[in-house]
């Protein structure tokens, strides 16, 4: 599952509407509780444990991808 799909699932967005620039500034539901939910969904989807600094860095889809790649996660593109 691509990170865009996880973001879309968490925030109720169509996958085609989610791109690298989708962020906590462009999605109204991406508030603090939404962010925690997103981090938990990413951990479950990819089988990784994300640190607090990882979570703080992930403010848009591009950053989520960078953090996941740093953790060795791969997904179908």
Protein backbone atom coordinates (compact mmCIF):
# COMPACT_ATOMS: atom_id res chain seq x y z
CA UNK A 1 0.00 0.00 0.00
CA UNK A 2 1.38 3.40 -0.98
CA UNK A 3 1.68 6.16 1.64
CA UNK A 4 -0.91 8.15 -0.34
CA UNK A 5 -3.40 5.32 0.23
CA UNK A 6 -2.77 5.35 3.99
CA UNK A 7 -3.21 9.13 4.14
CA UNK A 8 -6.38 8.87 2.08
CA UNK A 9 -7.77 6.13 4.31
CA UNK A 10 -7.07 8.04 7.53
CA UNK A 11 -8.51 11.33 6.32
CA UNK A 12 -11.26 10.07 4.02
CA UNK A 13 -9.65 11.39 0.83
CA UNK A 14 -9.75 9.85 -2.63
CA UNK A 15 -6.32 8.47 -3.49
CA UNK A 16 -6.17 10.64 -6.62
CA UNK A 17 -6.49 13.71 -4.40
CA UNK A 18 -3.45 12.76 -2.29
CA UNK A 19 0.02 13.75 -3.54
CA UNK A 20 3.42 14.72 -2.13
CA UNK A 21 2.16 18.20 -1.25
CA UNK A 22 -0.82 16.96 0.75
CA UNK A 23 -0.12 18.17 4.27
CA UNK A 24 -1.40 19.12 7.68
CA UNK A 25 -1.94 22.58 6.19
CA UNK A 26 -4.09 21.40 3.28
CA UNK A 27 -6.27 18.77 5.02
CA UNK A 28 -8.60 20.13 7.69
CA UNK A 29 -8.91 16.75 9.45
CA UNK A 30 -5.11 16.50 9.82
CA UNK A 31 -5.10 17.92 13.32
CA UNK A 32 -3.18 16.55 16.31
CA UNK A 33 -5.51 13.59 16.83
CA UNK A 34 -5.56 12.89 13.10
CA UNK A 35 -1.76 12.96 13.07
CA UNK A 36 -1.53 10.38 15.86
CA UNK A 37 -4.02 8.19 14.00
CA UNK A 38 -1.95 8.56 10.82
CA UNK A 39 1.28 7.59 12.59
CA UNK A 40 -0.40 4.51 14.09
CA UNK A 41 -1.81 3.50 10.69
CA UNK A 42 1.60 3.93 9.05
CA UNK A 43 3.23 1.78 11.73
CA UNK A 44 0.60 -0.93 11.25
CA UNK A 45 0.70 -0.79 7.45
CA UNK A 46 4.49 -1.02 7.19
CA UNK A 47 5.42 -2.91 10.35
CA UNK A 48 7.73 -0.19 11.64
CA UNK A 49 8.08 1.69 14.91
CA UNK A 50 8.28 5.42 14.29
CA UNK A 51 10.02 7.69 16.76
CA UNK A 52 8.67 10.95 18.09
CA UNK A 53 11.09 12.85 15.85
CA UNK A 54 9.85 10.81 12.86
CA UNK A 55 6.26 11.70 13.73
CA UNK A 56 7.10 15.39 14.08
CA UNK A 57 8.85 15.39 10.72
CA UNK A 58 5.92 13.86 8.85
CA UNK A 59 3.89 16.97 8.06
CA UNK A 60 3.23 16.13 4.40
CA UNK A 61 3.20 13.09 2.15
CA UNK A 62 6.69 13.78 0.78
CA UNK A 63 8.09 13.82 4.33
CA UNK A 64 6.22 10.61 5.17
CA UNK A 65 7.89 8.92 2.21
CA UNK A 66 11.34 10.17 3.26
CA UNK A 67 10.88 8.90 6.82
CA UNK A 68 9.60 5.52 5.64
CA UNK A 69 12.47 5.14 3.17
CA UNK A 70 14.90 6.01 5.96
CA UNK A 71 13.36 3.11 7.90
CA UNK A 72 13.88 0.77 4.93
CA UNK A 73 10.22 0.62 3.92
CA UNK A 74 9.37 -0.03 0.28
CA UNK A 75 5.99 0.06 -1.42
CA UNK A 76 4.66 -0.48 -4.92
CA UNK A 77 4.84 2.74 -6.89
